[in-house]
């Protein structure tokens, strides 16, 4: 599944980390997190987003501002969130994102024979 992000709109993610075996919250108190957009999953870096952590709930909040999404070209990207703890660095979340033009995304398709005037 691909997440649609309109250029010029804020893109947010919140991720709560728990251990699969126990359901207990992952302790993120000594960690740093960051998010990235890449040309494709594992591809060239396009930019980084802001991240904050709530250590009590094991939640990561990732944010791409409207200003950052405005500067992006339309197209498909790989989006990921990474956790850093000391020398250990792990990707914990990846998804496909498609950045679309907010003005043309919701336009109905033209049917053959439709008249178009400017």
PDB file of N, CA and C in Angstrom:
ATOM      1  N   UNK A   1       0.838  -1.174   0.000  1.00  0.00           N
ATOM      2  CA  UNK A   1       0.000   0.000   0.000  1.00  0.00           C
ATOM      3  C   UNK A   1       0.892   1.251   0.000  1.00  0.00           C
ATOM      4  N   UNK A   2       0.466   2.275  -0.713  1.00  0.00           N
ATOM      5  CA  UNK A   2       1.208   3.516  -0.809  1.00  0.00           C
ATOM      6  C   UNK A   2       0.421   4.630  -0.130  1.00  0.00           C
ATOM      7  N   UNK A   3       1.096   5.415   0.709  1.00  0.00           N
ATOM      8  CA  UNK A   3       0.480   6.564   1.353  1.00  0.00           C
ATOM      9  C   UNK A   3       0.574   7.762   0.426  1.00  0.00           C
ATOM     10  N   UNK A   4      -0.530   8.464   0.238  1.00  0.00           N
ATOM     11  CA  UNK A   4      -0.554   9.657  -0.600  1.00  0.00           C
ATOM     12  C   UNK A   4      -0.299  10.880   0.276  1.00  0.00           C
ATOM     13  N   UNK A   5       0.645  11.718  -0.143  1.00  0.00           N
ATOM     14  CA  UNK A   5       0.950  12.970   0.540  1.00  0.00           C
ATOM     15  C   UNK A   5       0.825  14.077  -0.497  1.00  0.00           C
ATOM     16  N   UNK A   6      -0.002  15.072  -0.210  1.00  0.00           N
ATOM     17  CA  UNK A   6      -0.134  16.200  -1.126  1.00  0.00           C
ATOM     18  C   UNK A   6       0.977  17.205  -0.851  1.00  0.00           C
ATOM     19  N   UNK A   7       1.606  17.681  -1.925  1.00  0.00           N
ATOM     20  CA  UNK A   7       2.642  18.709  -1.771  1.00  0.00           C
ATOM     21  C   UNK A   7       2.056  19.883  -1.013  1.00  0.00           C
ATOM     22  N   UNK A   8       2.816  20.397  -0.044  1.00  0.00           N
ATOM     23  CA  UNK A   8       2.372  21.546   0.723  1.00  0.00           C
ATOM     24  C   UNK A   8       1.539  21.200   1.943  1.00  0.00           C
ATOM     25  N   UNK A   9       1.320  19.904   2.186  1.00  0.00           N
ATOM     26  CA  UNK A   9       0.604  19.480   3.383  1.00  0.00           C
ATOM     27  C   UNK A   9       1.569  18.781   4.328  1.00  0.00           C
ATOM     28  N   UNK A  10       1.299  18.869   5.611  1.00  0.00           N
ATOM     29  CA  UNK A  10       2.136  18.231   6.619  1.00  0.00           C
ATOM     30  C   UNK A  10       1.888  16.724   6.613  1.00  0.00           C
ATOM     31  N   UNK A  11       2.958  15.960   6.727  1.00  0.00           N
ATOM     32  CA  UNK A  11       2.904  14.491   6.772  1.00  0.00           C
ATOM     33  C   UNK A  11       3.387  14.054   8.146  1.00  0.00           C
ATOM     34  N   UNK A  12       2.538  13.300   8.859  1.00  0.00           N
ATOM     35  CA  UNK A  12       2.869  12.858  10.222  1.00  0.00           C
ATOM     36  C   UNK A  12       2.744  11.347  10.328  1.00  0.00           C
ATOM     37  N   UNK A  13       3.562  10.795  11.218  1.00  0.00           N
ATOM     38  CA  UNK A  13       3.469   9.385  11.584  1.00  0.00           C
ATOM     39  C   UNK A  13       3.705   9.290  13.087  1.00  0.00           C
ATOM     40  N   UNK A  14       2.954   8.421  13.754  1.00  0.00           N
ATOM     41  CA  UNK A  14       3.283   8.085  15.141  1.00  0.00           C
ATOM     42  C   UNK A  14       3.404   6.572  15.210  1.00  0.00           C
ATOM     43  N   UNK A  15       4.469   6.119  15.809  1.00  0.00           N
ATOM     44  CA  UNK A  15       4.779   4.694  15.886  1.00  0.00           C
ATOM     45  C   UNK A  15       4.999   4.332  17.346  1.00  0.00           C
ATOM     46  N   UNK A  16       4.250   3.363  17.841  1.00  0.00           N
ATOM     47  CA  UNK A  16       4.438   2.908  19.217  1.00  0.00           C
ATOM     48  C   UNK A  16       5.185   1.584  19.167  1.00  0.00           C
ATOM     49  N   UNK A  17       6.325   1.515  19.841  1.00  0.00           N
ATOM     50  CA  UNK A  17       7.162   0.327  19.810  1.00  0.00           C
ATOM     51  C   UNK A  17       6.925  -0.526  21.047  1.00  0.00           C
ATOM     52  N   UNK A  18       6.563  -1.773  20.790  1.00  0.00           N
ATOM     53  CA  UNK A  18       6.391  -2.747  21.869  1.00  0.00           C
ATOM     54  C   UNK A  18       7.098  -4.034  21.466  1.00  0.00           C
ATOM     55  N   UNK A  19       7.441  -4.839  22.464  1.00  0.00           N
ATOM     56  CA  UNK A  19       8.035  -6.149  22.193  1.00  0.00           C
ATOM     57  C   UNK A  19       6.929  -7.115  21.779  1.00  0.00           C
ATOM     58  N   UNK A  20       7.125  -7.803  20.668  1.00  0.00           N
ATOM     59  CA  UNK A  20       6.105  -8.707  20.131  1.00  0.00           C
ATOM     60  C   UNK A  20       5.752  -9.817  21.111  1.00  0.00           C
ATOM     61  N   UNK A  21       6.745 -10.345  21.811  1.00  0.00           N
ATOM     62  CA  UNK A  21       6.515 -11.484  22.707  1.00  0.00           C
ATOM     63  C   UNK A  21       5.704 -11.107  23.943  1.00  0.00           C
ATOM     64  N   UNK A  22       5.934  -9.908  24.473  1.00  0.00           N
ATOM     65  CA  UNK A  22       5.326  -9.535  25.756  1.00  0.00           C
ATOM     66  C   UNK A  22       4.337  -8.388  25.666  1.00  0.00           C
ATOM     67  N   UNK A  23       4.417  -7.588  24.611  1.00  0.00           N
ATOM     68  CA  UNK A  23       3.573  -6.408  24.498  1.00  0.00           C
ATOM     69  C   UNK A  23       4.052  -5.238  25.331  1.00  0.00           C
ATOM     70  N   UNK A  24       5.187  -5.417  26.025  1.00  0.00           N
ATOM     71  CA  UNK A  24       5.730  -4.339  26.851  1.00  0.00           C
ATOM     72  C   UNK A  24       6.328  -3.249  25.971  1.00  0.00           C
ATOM     73  N   UNK A  25       6.289  -2.023  26.462  1.00  0.00           N
ATOM     74  CA  UNK A  25       6.820  -0.866  25.745  1.00  0.00           C
ATOM     75  C   UNK A  25       8.339  -0.931  25.659  1.00  0.00           C
ATOM     76  N   UNK A  26       8.871  -0.625  24.485  1.00  0.00           N
ATOM     77  CA  UNK A  26      10.318  -0.559  24.292  1.00  0.00           C
ATOM     78  C   UNK A  26      10.835   0.714  24.958  1.00  0.00           C
ATOM     79  N   UNK A  27      11.892   0.583  25.743  1.00  0.00           N
ATOM     80  CA  UNK A  27      12.499   1.738  26.418  1.00  0.00           C
ATOM     81  C   UNK A  27      13.345   2.517  25.415  1.00  0.00           C
ATOM     82  N   UNK A  28      12.907   3.722  25.100  1.00  0.00           N
ATOM     83  CA  UNK A  28      13.599   4.571  24.127  1.00  0.00           C
ATOM     84  C   UNK A  28      14.344   5.721  24.788  1.00  0.00           C
ATOM     85  N   UNK A  29      14.500   5.676  26.112  1.00  0.00           N
ATOM     86  CA  UNK A  29      15.060   6.813  26.842  1.00  0.00           C
ATOM     87  C   UNK A  29      16.495   7.151  26.434  1.00  0.00           C
ATOM     88  N   UNK A  30      17.287   6.195  25.993  1.00  0.00           N
ATOM     89  CA  UNK A  30      18.670   6.463  25.582  1.00  0.00           C
ATOM     90  C   UNK A  30      18.832   6.522  24.061  1.00  0.00           C
ATOM     91  N   UNK A  31      17.714   6.624  23.359  1.00  0.00           N
ATOM     92  CA  UNK A  31      17.749   6.549  21.897  1.00  0.00           C
ATOM     93  C   UNK A  31      17.525   7.903  21.238  1.00  0.00           C
ATOM     94  N   UNK A  32      17.936   7.974  19.994  1.00  0.00           N
ATOM     95  CA  UNK A  32      17.613   9.085  19.109  1.00  0.00           C
ATOM     96  C   UNK A  32      16.898   8.481  17.911  1.00  0.00           C
ATOM     97  N   UNK A  33      16.057   9.250  17.269  1.00  0.00           N
ATOM     98  CA  UNK A  33      15.333   8.764  16.098  1.00  0.00           C
ATOM     99  C   UNK A  33      15.399   9.799  14.981  1.00  0.00           C
ATOM    100  N   UNK A  34      15.283   9.333  13.766  1.00  0.00           N
ATOM    101  CA  UNK A  34      15.187  10.233  12.627  1.00  0.00           C
ATOM    102  C   UNK A  34      14.413   9.555  11.514  1.00  0.00           C
ATOM    103  N   UNK A  35      13.862  10.365  10.624  1.00  0.00           N
ATOM    104  CA  UNK A  35      13.121   9.824   9.485  1.00  0.00           C
ATOM    105  C   UNK A  35      13.738  10.351   8.201  1.00  0.00           C
ATOM    106  N   UNK A  36      13.547   9.589   7.141  1.00  0.00           N
ATOM    107  CA  UNK A  36      14.154   9.924   5.852  1.00  0.00           C
ATOM    108  C   UNK A  36      13.184   9.653   4.708  1.00  0.00           C
ATOM    109  N   UNK A  37      13.311  10.438   3.654  1.00  0.00           N
ATOM    110  CA  UNK A  37      12.678  10.132   2.373  1.00  0.00           C
ATOM    111  C   UNK A  37      13.809   9.790   1.429  1.00  0.00           C
ATOM    112  N   UNK A  38      13.607   8.729   0.669  1.00  0.00           N
ATOM    113  CA  UNK A  38      14.602   8.276  -0.299  1.00  0.00           C
ATOM    114  C   UNK A  38      13.927   8.111  -1.660  1.00  0.00           C
ATOM    115  N   UNK A  39      14.734   8.059  -2.708  1.00  0.00           N
ATOM    116  CA  UNK A  39      14.188   7.913  -4.058  1.00  0.00           C
ATOM    117  C   UNK A  39      13.378   6.634  -4.200  1.00  0.00           C
ATOM    118  N   UNK A  40      13.670   5.643  -3.389  1.00  0.00           N
ATOM    119  CA  UNK A  40      12.943   4.379  -3.296  1.00  0.00           C
ATOM    120  C   UNK A  40      13.430   3.736  -2.000  1.00  0.00           C
ATOM    121  N   UNK A  41      12.778   2.692  -1.498  1.00  0.00           N
ATOM    122  CA  UNK A  41      13.309   2.070  -0.278  1.00  0.00           C
ATOM    123  C   UNK A  41      14.774   1.677  -0.462  1.00  0.00           C
ATOM    124  N   UNK A  42      15.627   2.208   0.407  1.00  0.00           N
ATOM    125  CA  UNK A  42      17.062   1.937   0.321  1.00  0.00           C
ATOM    126  C   UNK A  42      17.790   2.763  -0.716  1.00  0.00           C
ATOM    127  N   UNK A  43      17.073   3.674  -1.405  1.00  0.00           N
ATOM    128  CA  UNK A  43      17.677   4.478  -2.469  1.00  0.00           C
ATOM    129  C   UNK A  43      18.396   5.708  -1.945  1.00  0.00           C
ATOM    130  N   UNK A  44      18.649   6.647  -2.845  1.00  0.00           N
ATOM    131  CA  UNK A  44      19.372   7.872  -2.497  1.00  0.00           C
ATOM    132  C   UNK A  44      18.524   8.759  -1.594  1.00  0.00           C
ATOM    133  N   UNK A  45      19.180   9.396  -0.645  1.00  0.00           N
ATOM    134  CA  UNK A  45      18.517  10.254   0.331  1.00  0.00           C
ATOM    135  C   UNK A  45      17.994  11.529  -0.335  1.00  0.00           C
ATOM    136  N   UNK A  46      16.719  11.838  -0.071  1.00  0.00           N
ATOM    137  CA  UNK A  46      16.102  13.066  -0.563  1.00  0.00           C
ATOM    138  C   UNK A  46      16.089  14.119   0.538  1.00  0.00           C
ATOM    139  N   UNK A  47      15.784  13.699   1.772  1.00  0.00           N
ATOM    140  CA  UNK A  47      15.742  14.633   2.892  1.00  0.00           C
ATOM    141  C   UNK A  47      15.414  13.914   4.184  1.00  0.00           C
ATOM    142  N   UNK A  48      15.512  14.661   5.285  1.00  0.00           N
ATOM    143  CA  UNK A  48      15.205  14.098   6.599  1.00  0.00           C
ATOM    144  C   UNK A  48      14.087  14.900   7.251  1.00  0.00           C
ATOM    145  N   UNK A  49      13.312  14.205   8.083  1.00  0.00           N
ATOM    146  CA  UNK A  49      12.219  14.839   8.802  1.00  0.00           C
ATOM    147  C   UNK A  49      12.516  14.898  10.286  1.00  0.00           C
ATOM    148  N   UNK A  50      11.710  15.674  10.997  1.00  0.00           N
ATOM    149  CA  UNK A  50      11.865  15.825  12.440  1.00  0.00           C
ATOM    150  C   UNK A  50      11.211  14.660  13.168  1.00  0.00           C
ATOM    151  N   UNK A  51      11.823  14.232  14.266  1.00  0.00           N
ATOM    152  CA  UNK A  51      11.263  13.158  15.098  1.00  0.00           C
ATOM    153  C   UNK A  51      11.410  13.515  16.570  1.00  0.00           C
ATOM    154  N   UNK A  52      10.419  13.115  17.358  1.00  0.00           N
ATOM    155  CA  UNK A  52      10.502  13.235  18.810  1.00  0.00           C
ATOM    156  C   UNK A  52      10.096  11.896  19.412  1.00  0.00           C
ATOM    157  N   UNK A  53      10.474  11.701  20.674  1.00  0.00           N
ATOM    158  CA  UNK A  53      10.208  10.440  21.365  1.00  0.00           C
ATOM    159  C   UNK A  53       9.454  10.731  22.658  1.00  0.00           C
ATOM    160  N   UNK A  54       8.457   9.890  22.943  1.00  0.00           N
ATOM    161  CA  UNK A  54       7.849   9.850  24.271  1.00  0.00           C
ATOM    162  C   UNK A  54       8.320   8.534  24.883  1.00  0.00           C
ATOM    163  N   UNK A  55       9.328   8.592  25.731  1.00  0.00           N
ATOM    164  CA  UNK A  55       9.938   7.385  26.303  1.00  0.00           C
ATOM    165  C   UNK A  55       8.959   6.600  27.165  1.00  0.00           C
ATOM    166  N   UNK A  56       8.033   7.291  27.832  1.00  0.00           N
ATOM    167  CA  UNK A  56       7.083   6.606  28.712  1.00  0.00           C
ATOM    168  C   UNK A  56       6.151   5.665  27.953  1.00  0.00           C
ATOM    169  N   UNK A  57       5.773   6.060  26.745  1.00  0.00           N
ATOM    170  CA  UNK A  57       4.831   5.244  25.969  1.00  0.00           C
ATOM    171  C   UNK A  57       5.504   4.476  24.844  1.00  0.00           C
ATOM    172  N   UNK A  58       6.812   4.697  24.628  1.00  0.00           N
ATOM    173  CA  UNK A  58       7.513   4.026  23.539  1.00  0.00           C
ATOM    174  C   UNK A  58       7.064   4.516  22.174  1.00  0.00           C
ATOM    175  N   UNK A  59       6.612   5.766  22.110  1.00  0.00           N
ATOM    176  CA  UNK A  59       6.066   6.312  20.874  1.00  0.00           C
ATOM    177  C   UNK A  59       7.050   7.278  20.218  1.00  0.00           C
ATOM    178  N   UNK A  60       7.162   7.137  18.902  1.00  0.00           N
ATOM    179  CA  UNK A  60       7.962   8.033  18.078  1.00  0.00           C
ATOM    180  C   UNK A  60       6.991   8.854  17.234  1.00  0.00           C
ATOM    181  N   UNK A  61       7.205  10.156  17.222  1.00  0.00           N
ATOM    182  CA  UNK A  61       6.398  11.059  16.410  1.00  0.00           C
ATOM    183  C   UNK A  61       7.291  11.624  15.317  1.00  0.00           C
ATOM    184  N   UNK A  62       6.937  11.340  14.075  1.00  0.00           N
ATOM    185  CA  UNK A  62       7.715  11.820  12.925  1.00  0.00           C
ATOM    186  C   UNK A  62       6.903  12.878  12.193  1.00  0.00           C
ATOM    187  N   UNK A  63       7.586  13.897  11.698  1.00  0.00           N
ATOM    188  CA  UNK A  63       6.913  15.025  11.070  1.00  0.00           C
ATOM    189  C   UNK A  63       7.691  15.512   9.855  1.00  0.00           C
ATOM    190  N   UNK A  64       6.962  15.697   8.773  1.00  0.00           N
ATOM    191  CA  UNK A  64       7.475  16.378   7.587  1.00  0.00           C
ATOM    192  C   UNK A  64       6.595  17.598   7.409  1.00  0.00           C
ATOM    193  N   UNK A  65       7.179  18.771   7.556  1.00  0.00           N
ATOM    194  CA  UNK A  65       6.411  20.008   7.511  1.00  0.00           C
ATOM    195  C   UNK A  65       5.873  20.269   6.106  1.00  0.00           C
ATOM    196  N   UNK A  66       4.871  21.151   6.051  1.00  0.00           N
ATOM    197  CA  UNK A  66       4.317  21.569   4.762  1.00  0.00           C
ATOM    198  C   UNK A  66       5.399  22.200   3.891  1.00  0.00           C
ATOM    199  N   UNK A  67       6.319  22.913   4.522  1.00  0.00           N
ATOM    200  CA  UNK A  67       7.421  23.527   3.781  1.00  0.00           C
ATOM    201  C   UNK A  67       8.294  22.451   3.107  1.00  0.00           C
ATOM    202  N   UNK A  68       8.578  21.364   3.831  1.00  0.00           N
ATOM    203  CA  UNK A  68       9.409  20.296   3.249  1.00  0.00           C
ATOM    204  C   UNK A  68       8.678  19.571   2.118  1.00  0.00           C
ATOM    205  N   UNK A  69       7.381  19.262   2.308  1.00  0.00           N
ATOM    206  CA  UNK A  69       6.664  18.547   1.248  1.00  0.00           C
ATOM    207  C   UNK A  69       6.439  19.446   0.038  1.00  0.00           C
ATOM    208  N   UNK A  70       6.365  20.766   0.255  1.00  0.00           N
ATOM    209  CA  UNK A  70       6.241  21.704  -0.880  1.00  0.00           C
ATOM    210  C   UNK A  70       7.469  21.661  -1.769  1.00  0.00           C
ATOM    211  N   UNK A  71       8.628  21.439  -1.159  1.00  0.00           N
ATOM    212  CA  UNK A  71       9.891  21.436  -1.903  1.00  0.00           C
ATOM    213  C   UNK A  71      10.135  20.119  -2.639  1.00  0.00           C
ATOM    214  N   UNK A  72       9.338  19.097  -2.348  1.00  0.00           N
ATOM    215  CA  UNK A  72       9.549  17.786  -2.979  1.00  0.00           C
ATOM    216  C   UNK A  72       8.903  17.739  -4.357  1.00  0.00           C
ATOM    217  N   UNK A  73       9.514  16.978  -5.247  1.00  0.00           N
ATOM    218  CA  UNK A  73       8.938  16.726  -6.556  1.00  0.00           C
ATOM    219  C   UNK A  73       7.822  15.696  -6.416  1.00  0.00           C
ATOM    220  N   UNK A  74       6.833  15.745  -7.297  1.00  0.00           N
ATOM    221  CA  UNK A  74       5.823  14.698  -7.281  1.00  0.00           C
ATOM    222  C   UNK A  74       6.486  13.385  -7.689  1.00  0.00           C
ATOM    223  N   UNK A  75       5.991  12.285  -7.141  1.00  0.00           N
ATOM    224  CA  UNK A  75       6.544  10.974  -7.452  1.00  0.00           C
ATOM    225  C   UNK A  75       6.517  10.069  -6.247  1.00  0.00           C
ATOM    226  N   UNK A  76       7.067   8.886  -6.422  1.00  0.00           N
ATOM    227  CA  UNK A  76       7.071   7.878  -5.360  1.00  0.00           C
ATOM    228  C   UNK A  76       8.405   7.874  -4.631  1.00  0.00           C
ATOM    229  N   UNK A  77       8.323   7.661  -3.315  1.00  0.00           N
ATOM    230  CA  UNK A  77       9.491   7.677  -2.446  1.00  0.00           C
ATOM    231  C   UNK A  77       9.425   6.516  -1.465  1.00  0.00           C
ATOM    232  N   UNK A  78      10.570   6.179  -0.908  1.00  0.00           N
ATOM    233  CA  UNK A  78      10.642   5.265   0.221  1.00  0.00           C
ATOM    234  C   UNK A  78      10.780   6.103   1.482  1.00  0.00           C
ATOM    235  N   UNK A  79       9.925   5.872   2.469  1.00  0.00           N
ATOM    236  CA  UNK A  79       9.966   6.620   3.723  1.00  0.00           C
ATOM    237  C   UNK A  79      10.370   5.658   4.821  1.00  0.00           C
ATOM    238  N   UNK A  80      11.316   6.071   5.684  1.00  0.00           N
ATOM    239  CA  UNK A  80      11.709   5.181   6.774  1.00  0.00           C
ATOM    240  C   UNK A  80      12.012   5.952   8.047  1.00  0.00           C
ATOM    241  N   UNK A  81      11.911   5.227   9.161  1.00  0.00           N
ATOM    242  CA  UNK A  81      12.235   5.763  10.485  1.00  0.00           C
ATOM    243  C   UNK A  81      13.318   4.872  11.077  1.00  0.00           C
ATOM    244  N   UNK A  82      14.336   5.509  11.647  1.00  0.00           N
ATOM    245  CA  UNK A  82      15.472   4.804  12.222  1.00  0.00           C
ATOM    246  C   UNK A  82      15.610   5.138  13.698  1.00  0.00           C
ATOM    247  N   UNK A  83      16.083   4.159  14.478  1.00  0.00           N
ATOM    248  CA  UNK A  83      16.398   4.358  15.889  1.00  0.00           C
ATOM    249  C   UNK A  83      17.898   4.172  16.068  1.00  0.00           C
ATOM    250  N   UNK A  84      18.517   5.098  16.813  1.00  0.00           N
ATOM    251  CA  UNK A  84      19.941   5.027  17.108  1.00  0.00           C
ATOM    252  C   UNK A  84      20.098   4.919  18.618  1.00  0.00           C
ATOM    253  N   UNK A  85      20.862   3.887  19.034  1.00  0.00           N
ATOM    254  CA  UNK A  85      21.172   3.691  20.454  1.00  0.00           C
ATOM    255  C   UNK A  85      22.663   3.392  20.538  1.00  0.00           C
ATOM    256  N   UNK A  86      23.444   4.407  20.929  1.00  0.00           N
ATOM    257  CA  UNK A  86      24.903   4.243  20.952  1.00  0.00           C
ATOM    258  C   UNK A  86      25.418   4.039  19.538  1.00  0.00           C
ATOM    259  N   UNK A  87      26.140   2.922  19.314  1.00  0.00           N
ATOM    260  CA  UNK A  87      26.677   2.610  17.986  1.00  0.00           C
ATOM    261  C   UNK A  87      25.697   1.802  17.139  1.00  0.00           C
ATOM    262  N   UNK A  88      24.582   1.408  17.720  1.00  0.00           N
ATOM    263  CA  UNK A  88      23.609   0.584  17.002  1.00  0.00           C
ATOM    264  C   UNK A  88      22.576   1.472  16.316  1.00  0.00           C
ATOM    265  N   UNK A  89      22.341   1.198  15.037  1.00  0.00           N
ATOM    266  CA  UNK A  89      21.401   1.974  14.222  1.00  0.00           C
ATOM    267  C   UNK A  89      20.498   1.001  13.475  1.00  0.00           C
ATOM    268  N   UNK A  90      19.167   1.115  13.668  1.00  0.00           N
ATOM    269  CA  UNK A  90      18.243   0.162  13.050  1.00  0.00           C
ATOM    270  C   UNK A  90      17.074   0.862  12.377  1.00  0.00           C
ATOM    271  N   UNK A  91      16.715   0.404  11.167  1.00  0.00           N
ATOM    272  CA  UNK A  91      15.464   0.893  10.585  1.00  0.00           C
ATOM    273  C   UNK A  91      14.309   0.147  11.267  1.00  0.00           C
ATOM    274  N   UNK A  92      13.306   0.885  11.712  1.00  0.00           N
ATOM    275  CA  UNK A  92      12.193   0.221  12.400  1.00  0.00           C
ATOM    276  C   UNK A  92      10.879   0.320  11.640  1.00  0.00           C
ATOM    277  N   UNK A  93      10.848   1.163  10.610  1.00  0.00           N
ATOM    278  CA  UNK A  93       9.598   1.354   9.874  1.00  0.00           C
ATOM    279  C   UNK A  93       9.915   1.824   8.469  1.00  0.00           C
ATOM    280  N   UNK A  94       9.224   1.250   7.485  1.00  0.00           N
ATOM    281  CA  UNK A  94       9.384   1.644   6.094  1.00  0.00           C
ATOM    282  C   UNK A  94       8.023   1.617   5.418  1.00  0.00           C
ATOM    283  N   UNK A  95       7.782   2.570   4.556  1.00  0.00           N
ATOM    284  CA  UNK A  95       6.565   2.560   3.750  1.00  0.00           C
ATOM    285  C   UNK A  95       6.818   3.283   2.441  1.00  0.00           C
ATOM    286  N   UNK A  96       5.956   3.054   1.471  1.00  0.00           N
ATOM    287  CA  UNK A  96       6.015   3.773   0.203  1.00  0.00           C
ATOM    288  C   UNK A  96       5.124   5.000   0.313  1.00  0.00           C
ATOM    289  N   UNK A  97       5.627   6.128  -0.174  1.00  0.00           N
ATOM    290  CA  UNK A  97       4.898   7.387  -0.145  1.00  0.00           C
ATOM    291  C   UNK A  97       4.863   7.936  -1.559  1.00  0.00           C
ATOM    292  N   UNK A  98       3.704   8.403  -1.968  1.00  0.00           N
ATOM    293  CA  UNK A  98       3.606   9.089  -3.257  1.00  0.00           C
ATOM    294  C   UNK A  98       3.231  10.535  -2.998  1.00  0.00           C
ATOM    295  N   UNK A  99       4.087  11.438  -3.434  1.00  0.00           N
ATOM    296  CA  UNK A  99       3.832  12.866  -3.310  1.00  0.00           C
ATOM    297  C   UNK A  99       3.107  13.303  -4.574  1.00  0.00           C
ATOM    298  N   UNK A 100       1.936  13.914  -4.388  1.00  0.00           N
ATOM    299  CA  UNK A 100       1.108  14.315  -5.530  1.00  0.00           C
ATOM    300  C   UNK A 100       0.877  15.819  -5.508  1.00  0.00           C
ATOM    301  N   UNK A 101       0.525  16.351  -6.658  1.00  0.00           N
ATOM    302  CA  UNK A 101       0.174  17.765  -6.782  1.00  0.00           C
ATOM    303  C   UNK A 101      -1.223  17.950  -6.195  1.00  0.00           C
ATOM    304  N   UNK A 102      -1.407  18.858  -5.239  1.00  0.00           N
ATOM    305  CA  UNK A 102      -2.717  18.996  -4.600  1.00  0.00           C
ATOM    306  C   UNK A 102      -3.791  19.522  -5.541  1.00  0.00           C
ATOM    307  N   UNK A 103      -3.398  20.132  -6.655  1.00  0.00           N
ATOM    308  CA  UNK A 103      -4.375  20.717  -7.560  1.00  0.00           C
ATOM    309  C   UNK A 103      -4.883  19.728  -8.598  1.00  0.00           C
ATOM    310  N   UNK A 104      -4.083  18.755  -8.958  1.00  0.00           N
ATOM    311  CA  UNK A 104      -4.504  17.821 -10.003  1.00  0.00           C
ATOM    312  C   UNK A 104      -4.900  16.457  -9.462  1.00  0.00           C
ATOM    313  N   UNK A 105      -4.562  16.144  -8.210  1.00  0.00           N
ATOM    314  CA  UNK A 105      -4.833  14.820  -7.650  1.00  0.00           C
ATOM    315  C   UNK A 105      -6.319  14.482  -7.665  1.00  0.00           C
ATOM    316  N   UNK A 106      -7.195  15.446  -7.399  1.00  0.00           N
ATOM    317  CA  UNK A 106      -8.621  15.149  -7.263  1.00  0.00           C
ATOM    318  C   UNK A 106      -9.438  15.516  -8.493  1.00  0.00           C
ATOM    319  N   UNK A 107      -8.781  15.784  -9.609  1.00  0.00           N
ATOM    320  CA  UNK A 107      -9.518  16.139 -10.814  1.00  0.00           C
ATOM    321  C   UNK A 107     -10.097  14.883 -11.455  1.00  0.00           C
ATOM    322  N   UNK A 108     -11.333  14.959 -11.933  1.00  0.00           N
ATOM    323  CA  UNK A 108     -11.910  13.788 -12.604  1.00  0.00           C
ATOM    324  C   UNK A 108     -11.193  13.543 -13.924  1.00  0.00           C
ATOM    325  N   UNK A 109     -11.071  12.275 -14.317  1.00  0.00           N
ATOM    326  CA  UNK A 109     -10.392  11.989 -15.592  1.00  0.00           C
ATOM    327  C   UNK A 109     -11.233  12.484 -16.762  1.00  0.00           C
ATOM    328  N   UNK A 110     -10.559  12.912 -17.821  1.00  0.00           N
ATOM    329  CA  UNK A 110     -11.260  13.335 -19.025  1.00  0.00           C
ATOM    330  C   UNK A 110     -11.734  12.113 -19.787  1.00  0.00           C
ATOM    331  N   UNK A 111     -12.912  12.205 -20.294  1.00  0.00           N
ATOM    332  CA  UNK A 111     -13.458  11.140 -21.129  1.00  0.00           C
ATOM    333  C   UNK A 111     -13.190  11.495 -22.590  1.00  0.00           C
ATOM    334  N   UNK A 112     -13.062  10.498 -23.406  1.00  0.00           N
ATOM    335  CA  UNK A 112     -12.846  10.745 -24.826  1.00  0.00           C
ATOM    336  C   UNK A 112     -14.004  11.572 -25.359  1.00  0.00           C
ATOM    337  N   UNK A 113     -13.675  12.621 -26.100  1.00  0.00           N
ATOM    338  CA  UNK A 113     -14.690  13.498 -26.655  1.00  0.00           C
ATOM    339  C   UNK A 113     -15.030  14.684 -25.778  1.00  0.00           C
ATOM    340  N   UNK A 114     -14.490  14.752 -24.538  1.00  0.00           N
ATOM    341  CA  UNK A 114     -14.736  15.908 -23.671  1.00  0.00           C
ATOM    342  C   UNK A 114     -14.067  17.121 -24.276  1.00  0.00           C
ATOM    343  N   UNK A 115     -14.755  18.251 -24.212  1.00  0.00           N
ATOM    344  CA  UNK A 115     -14.174  19.514 -24.668  1.00  0.00           C
ATOM    345  C   UNK A 115     -13.406  20.152 -23.525  1.00  0.00           C
ATOM    346  N   UNK A 116     -12.214  20.630 -23.834  1.00  0.00           N
ATOM    347  CA  UNK A 116     -11.402  21.315 -22.845  1.00  0.00           C
ATOM    348  C   UNK A 116     -11.048  22.677 -23.409  1.00  0.00           C
ATOM    349  N   UNK A 117     -11.366  23.737 -22.663  1.00  0.00           N
ATOM    350  CA  UNK A 117     -11.010  25.071 -23.139  1.00  0.00           C
ATOM    351  C   UNK A 117     -10.244  25.801 -22.041  1.00  0.00           C
ATOM    352  N   UNK A 118      -9.399  26.701 -22.461  1.00  0.00           N
ATOM    353  CA  UNK A 118      -8.585  27.466 -21.519  1.00  0.00           C
ATOM    354  C   UNK A 118      -8.924  28.922 -21.625  1.00  0.00           C
TER     355      UNK A 118
END
